[in-house]
Amino acid sequence: EFNRIMSVVDPNHSGLVTFQAFIDFMSRETTDTDTADQVIASFKVLAGDKNFITAEELRRELPPDQAEYCIARMAPYQGPDAVPGALDYKSFSTALYGESDL
């Protein structure tokens, strides 16, 4: 990963990284990443505006490997509106981005 970054910020392999190269790199890196809130919003859309999502919805809306990854890692949803098999996409999303202890 370090070599990849250095090849971007120091393409001539001079051993020096200019401030502008650093700023350009960080701008590109941060614009391409989602936040937990963006991921939560995406799951909410997939869930039809519900506070939880089901395995069936994930399998219908995501590629198989991504759906199974989410299903295996999402905790059961415990809210008052829970249905059997409801999954907690909010805690999953915040844990994914290091914003919780899950």
N, C-alpha and C. Protein backbone atom coordinates (compact mmCIF):
# COMPACT_ATOMS: atom_id res chain seq x y z
N GLU A 1 0.84 -1.19 0.00
CA GLU A 1 0.00 0.00 0.00
C GLU A 1 0.88 1.25 0.00
N PHE A 2 1.94 1.21 0.83
CA PHE A 2 2.85 2.35 0.89
C PHE A 2 3.48 2.60 -0.48
N ASN A 3 3.92 1.53 -1.15
CA ASN A 3 4.53 1.68 -2.47
C ASN A 3 3.55 2.25 -3.48
N ARG A 4 2.29 1.83 -3.38
CA ARG A 4 1.26 2.36 -4.28
C ARG A 4 1.11 3.87 -4.07
N ILE A 5 1.03 4.27 -2.81
CA ILE A 5 0.87 5.69 -2.51
C ILE A 5 2.08 6.48 -2.99
N MET A 6 3.28 5.96 -2.71
CA MET A 6 4.49 6.67 -3.13
C MET A 6 4.59 6.79 -4.65
N SER A 7 4.13 5.78 -5.38
CA SER A 7 4.19 5.87 -6.84
C SER A 7 3.25 6.95 -7.37
N VAL A 8 2.21 7.26 -6.60
CA VAL A 8 1.28 8.32 -6.99
C VAL A 8 1.84 9.69 -6.62
N VAL A 9 2.33 9.84 -5.39
CA VAL A 9 2.77 11.16 -4.91
C VAL A 9 4.21 11.49 -5.30
N ASP A 10 5.00 10.48 -5.67
CA ASP A 10 6.39 10.69 -6.08
C ASP A 10 6.67 9.85 -7.33
N PRO A 11 6.04 10.18 -8.47
CA PRO A 11 6.17 9.35 -9.67
C PRO A 11 7.60 9.28 -10.21
N ASN A 12 8.43 10.27 -9.92
CA ASN A 12 9.82 10.27 -10.41
C ASN A 12 10.77 9.56 -9.45
N HIS A 13 10.25 9.06 -8.33
CA HIS A 13 11.05 8.35 -7.32
C HIS A 13 12.22 9.20 -6.84
N SER A 14 11.95 10.47 -6.58
CA SER A 14 12.99 11.39 -6.11
C SER A 14 13.18 11.31 -4.60
N GLY A 15 12.24 10.68 -3.91
CA GLY A 15 12.32 10.61 -2.45
C GLY A 15 11.67 11.81 -1.77
N LEU A 16 11.10 12.71 -2.56
CA LEU A 16 10.45 13.90 -2.02
C LEU A 16 8.99 13.93 -2.46
N VAL A 17 8.14 14.36 -1.56
CA VAL A 17 6.72 14.52 -1.88
C VAL A 17 6.39 16.00 -1.69
N THR A 18 5.93 16.63 -2.76
CA THR A 18 5.57 18.04 -2.64
C THR A 18 4.25 18.17 -1.90
N PHE A 19 4.05 19.32 -1.32
CA PHE A 19 2.80 19.57 -0.61
C PHE A 19 1.62 19.45 -1.57
N GLN A 20 1.76 19.96 -2.78
CA GLN A 20 0.67 19.90 -3.76
C GLN A 20 0.35 18.45 -4.12
N ALA A 21 1.39 17.61 -4.28
CA ALA A 21 1.15 16.19 -4.59
C ALA A 21 0.40 15.52 -3.44
N PHE A 22 0.77 15.86 -2.21
CA PHE A 22 0.10 15.31 -1.04
C PHE A 22 -1.37 15.74 -1.01
N ILE A 23 -1.63 17.02 -1.22
CA ILE A 23 -3.01 17.55 -1.22
C ILE A 23 -3.83 16.89 -2.33
N ASP A 24 -3.26 16.77 -3.52
CA ASP A 24 -3.97 16.13 -4.64
C ASP A 24 -4.33 14.69 -4.30
N PHE A 25 -3.37 13.97 -3.73
CA PHE A 25 -3.60 12.57 -3.36
C PHE A 25 -4.71 12.46 -2.31
N MET A 26 -4.61 13.26 -1.25
CA MET A 26 -5.61 13.18 -0.19
C MET A 26 -6.99 13.58 -0.69
N SER A 27 -7.05 14.54 -1.59
CA SER A 27 -8.35 14.94 -2.16
C SER A 27 -8.97 13.79 -2.93
N ARG A 28 -8.18 13.10 -3.73
CA ARG A 28 -8.69 11.96 -4.49
C ARG A 28 -9.12 10.83 -3.56
N GLU A 29 -8.30 10.54 -2.57
CA GLU A 29 -8.60 9.43 -1.65
C GLU A 29 -9.87 9.68 -0.85
N THR A 30 -10.05 10.89 -0.36
CA THR A 30 -11.21 11.15 0.50
C THR A 30 -12.48 11.33 -0.30
N THR A 31 -12.38 11.73 -1.55
CA THR A 31 -13.60 11.88 -2.34
C THR A 31 -14.16 10.54 -2.76
N ASP A 32 -13.31 9.54 -2.83
CA ASP A 32 -13.76 8.23 -3.29
C ASP A 32 -14.28 7.35 -2.17
N THR A 33 -14.24 7.81 -0.93
CA THR A 33 -14.67 6.96 0.17
C THR A 33 -16.04 7.39 0.67
N ASP A 34 -16.78 6.38 1.09
CA ASP A 34 -18.10 6.63 1.67
C ASP A 34 -17.94 6.87 3.17
N THR A 35 -18.95 7.42 3.75
CA THR A 35 -18.99 7.54 5.20
C THR A 35 -20.04 6.57 5.72
N ALA A 36 -20.02 6.33 7.00
CA ALA A 36 -21.03 5.44 7.59
C ALA A 36 -22.43 5.97 7.29
N ASP A 37 -22.61 7.29 7.37
CA ASP A 37 -23.93 7.88 7.09
C ASP A 37 -24.38 7.61 5.66
N GLN A 38 -23.44 7.67 4.71
CA GLN A 38 -23.79 7.40 3.31
C GLN A 38 -24.17 5.94 3.12
N VAL A 39 -23.45 5.04 3.78
CA VAL A 39 -23.76 3.61 3.68
C VAL A 39 -25.11 3.32 4.33
N ILE A 40 -25.36 3.93 5.49
CA ILE A 40 -26.66 3.76 6.16
C ILE A 40 -27.78 4.25 5.24
N ALA A 41 -27.59 5.39 4.61
CA ALA A 41 -28.61 5.92 3.69
C ALA A 41 -28.85 4.95 2.53
N SER A 42 -27.79 4.34 2.03
CA SER A 42 -27.94 3.38 0.92
C SER A 42 -28.71 2.15 1.38
N PHE A 43 -28.37 1.62 2.57
CA PHE A 43 -29.12 0.47 3.08
C PHE A 43 -30.58 0.83 3.32
N LYS A 44 -30.84 2.05 3.79
CA LYS A 44 -32.22 2.47 4.05
C LYS A 44 -33.04 2.47 2.76
N VAL A 45 -32.41 2.89 1.67
CA VAL A 45 -33.09 2.85 0.36
C VAL A 45 -33.38 1.40 -0.03
N LEU A 46 -32.36 0.52 0.10
CA LEU A 46 -32.55 -0.89 -0.23
C LEU A 46 -33.62 -1.53 0.63
N ALA A 47 -33.74 -1.06 1.88
CA ALA A 47 -34.71 -1.62 2.82
C ALA A 47 -36.10 -1.01 2.67
N GLY A 48 -36.29 -0.15 1.69
CA GLY A 48 -37.61 0.47 1.52
C GLY A 48 -37.94 1.42 2.64
N ASP A 49 -36.95 2.16 3.13
CA ASP A 49 -37.10 3.18 4.17
C ASP A 49 -37.36 2.61 5.57
N LYS A 50 -37.13 1.29 5.74
CA LYS A 50 -37.29 0.70 7.07
C LYS A 50 -36.00 0.87 7.85
N ASN A 51 -36.06 0.69 9.18
CA ASN A 51 -34.89 0.78 10.05
C ASN A 51 -34.09 -0.51 10.08
N PHE A 52 -34.50 -1.51 9.34
CA PHE A 52 -33.82 -2.80 9.28
C PHE A 52 -33.89 -3.30 7.84
N ILE A 53 -33.12 -4.34 7.57
CA ILE A 53 -33.17 -4.96 6.25
C ILE A 53 -33.24 -6.47 6.47
N THR A 54 -33.77 -7.18 5.50
CA THR A 54 -33.85 -8.64 5.62
C THR A 54 -32.82 -9.29 4.69
N ALA A 55 -32.51 -10.53 4.98
CA ALA A 55 -31.58 -11.28 4.13
C ALA A 55 -32.13 -11.37 2.71
N GLU A 56 -33.42 -11.53 2.58
CA GLU A 56 -34.03 -11.62 1.25
C GLU A 56 -33.82 -10.33 0.45
N GLU A 57 -33.98 -9.19 1.12
CA GLU A 57 -33.76 -7.91 0.44
C GLU A 57 -32.30 -7.75 0.03
N LEU A 58 -31.39 -8.14 0.91
CA LEU A 58 -29.96 -8.05 0.57
C LEU A 58 -29.64 -8.94 -0.62
N ARG A 59 -30.16 -10.16 -0.61
CA ARG A 59 -29.89 -11.09 -1.72
C ARG A 59 -30.50 -10.60 -3.03
N ARG A 60 -31.61 -9.92 -2.94
CA ARG A 60 -32.27 -9.41 -4.14
C ARG A 60 -31.54 -8.19 -4.71
N GLU A 61 -30.97 -7.35 -3.84
CA GLU A 61 -30.42 -6.07 -4.26
C GLU A 61 -28.90 -6.04 -4.47
N LEU A 62 -28.16 -6.98 -3.87
CA LEU A 62 -26.71 -6.95 -3.94
C LEU A 62 -26.17 -8.16 -4.69
N PRO A 63 -24.94 -8.06 -5.21
CA PRO A 63 -24.30 -9.25 -5.77
C PRO A 63 -24.19 -10.33 -4.69
N PRO A 64 -24.25 -11.60 -5.06
CA PRO A 64 -24.28 -12.68 -4.06
C PRO A 64 -23.18 -12.61 -3.00
N ASP A 65 -21.94 -12.34 -3.38
CA ASP A 65 -20.87 -12.32 -2.39
C ASP A 65 -21.03 -11.17 -1.41
N GLN A 66 -21.48 -10.02 -1.88
CA GLN A 66 -21.70 -8.87 -0.99
C GLN A 66 -22.88 -9.12 -0.06
N ALA A 67 -23.93 -9.70 -0.60
CA ALA A 67 -25.12 -9.99 0.22
C ALA A 67 -24.76 -10.95 1.35
N GLU A 68 -24.05 -12.02 1.03
CA GLU A 68 -23.69 -13.02 2.04
C GLU A 68 -22.72 -12.43 3.07
N TYR A 69 -21.83 -11.55 2.64
CA TYR A 69 -20.92 -10.87 3.56
C TYR A 69 -21.73 -10.07 4.59
N CYS A 70 -22.68 -9.30 4.11
CA CYS A 70 -23.51 -8.48 5.00
C CYS A 70 -24.35 -9.34 5.93
N ILE A 71 -24.99 -10.35 5.39
CA ILE A 71 -25.87 -11.21 6.18
C ILE A 71 -25.08 -11.88 7.31
N ALA A 72 -23.87 -12.34 7.01
CA ALA A 72 -23.05 -13.04 8.00
C ALA A 72 -22.58 -12.11 9.12
N ARG A 73 -22.52 -10.80 8.84
CA ARG A 73 -21.95 -9.87 9.81
C ARG A 73 -22.95 -8.92 10.46
N MET A 74 -24.16 -8.85 9.95
CA MET A 74 -25.16 -7.96 10.54
C MET A 74 -25.81 -8.62 11.75
N ALA A 75 -25.91 -7.84 12.82
CA ALA A 75 -26.58 -8.31 14.03
C ALA A 75 -28.09 -8.28 13.81
N PRO A 76 -28.83 -9.09 14.56
CA PRO A 76 -30.29 -9.00 14.48
C PRO A 76 -30.74 -7.60 14.91
N TYR A 77 -31.75 -7.10 14.24
CA TYR A 77 -32.32 -5.79 14.58
C TYR A 77 -33.25 -5.97 15.77
N GLN A 78 -33.13 -5.10 16.77
CA GLN A 78 -33.89 -5.24 18.01
C GLN A 78 -34.96 -4.17 18.22
N GLY A 79 -35.23 -3.33 17.25
CA GLY A 79 -36.18 -2.24 17.43
C GLY A 79 -37.61 -2.72 17.58
N PRO A 80 -38.51 -1.82 18.01
CA PRO A 80 -39.91 -2.18 18.22
C PRO A 80 -40.63 -2.58 16.93
N ASP A 81 -40.08 -2.16 15.80
CA ASP A 81 -40.69 -2.47 14.51
C ASP A 81 -40.07 -3.71 13.87
N ALA A 82 -39.27 -4.47 14.61
CA ALA A 82 -38.57 -5.64 14.07
C ALA A 82 -39.55 -6.73 13.62
N VAL A 83 -39.15 -7.41 12.59
CA VAL A 83 -39.86 -8.59 12.11
C VAL A 83 -38.88 -9.76 12.20
N PRO A 84 -39.37 -10.99 12.15
CA PRO A 84 -38.45 -12.13 12.20
C PRO A 84 -37.39 -12.03 11.08
N GLY A 85 -36.15 -12.20 11.45
CA GLY A 85 -35.06 -12.14 10.46
C GLY A 85 -34.56 -10.75 10.15
N ALA A 86 -35.07 -9.72 10.86
CA ALA A 86 -34.64 -8.34 10.61
C ALA A 86 -33.16 -8.19 10.99
N LEU A 87 -32.41 -7.49 10.14
CA LEU A 87 -30.98 -7.27 10.36
C LEU A 87 -30.70 -5.79 10.58
N ASP A 88 -29.73 -5.51 11.46
CA ASP A 88 -29.39 -4.14 11.85
C ASP A 88 -28.31 -3.56 10.94
N TYR A 89 -28.73 -2.85 9.90
CA TYR A 89 -27.75 -2.28 8.98
C TYR A 89 -27.05 -1.04 9.54
N LYS A 90 -27.65 -0.39 10.53
CA LYS A 90 -27.02 0.80 11.11
C LYS A 90 -25.78 0.44 11.93
N SER A 91 -25.90 -0.53 12.84
CA SER A 91 -24.73 -0.91 13.63
C SER A 91 -23.65 -1.53 12.74
N PHE A 92 -24.06 -2.27 11.71
CA PHE A 92 -23.11 -2.85 10.76
C PHE A 92 -22.33 -1.75 10.06
N SER A 93 -23.02 -0.72 9.60
CA SER A 93 -22.37 0.37 8.87
C SER A 93 -21.41 1.15 9.74
N THR A 94 -21.81 1.46 10.97
CA THR A 94 -20.91 2.22 11.84
C THR A 94 -19.71 1.37 12.26
N ALA A 95 -19.90 0.07 12.46
CA ALA A 95 -18.78 -0.81 12.78
C ALA A 95 -17.82 -0.92 11.59
N LEU A 96 -18.36 -0.93 10.40
CA LEU A 96 -17.57 -1.02 9.18
C LEU A 96 -16.61 0.16 9.05
N TYR A 97 -17.03 1.30 9.51
CA TYR A 97 -16.22 2.52 9.41
C TYR A 97 -15.56 2.89 10.73
N GLY A 98 -15.52 1.94 11.66
CA GLY A 98 -14.81 2.17 12.90
C GLY A 98 -15.46 3.19 13.82
N GLU A 99 -16.75 3.40 13.68
CA GLU A 99 -17.44 4.40 14.50
C GLU A 99 -18.18 3.78 15.67
N SER A 100 -17.99 2.47 15.88
CA SER A 100 -18.59 1.82 17.04
C SER A 100 -17.67 0.68 17.46
N ASP A 101 -18.01 0.02 18.55
CA ASP A 101 -17.19 -1.05 19.08
C ASP A 101 -17.60 -2.43 18.58
N LEU A 102 -18.52 -2.50 17.65
CA LEU A 102 -18.99 -3.82 17.17
C LEU A 102 -17.93 -4.56 16.44
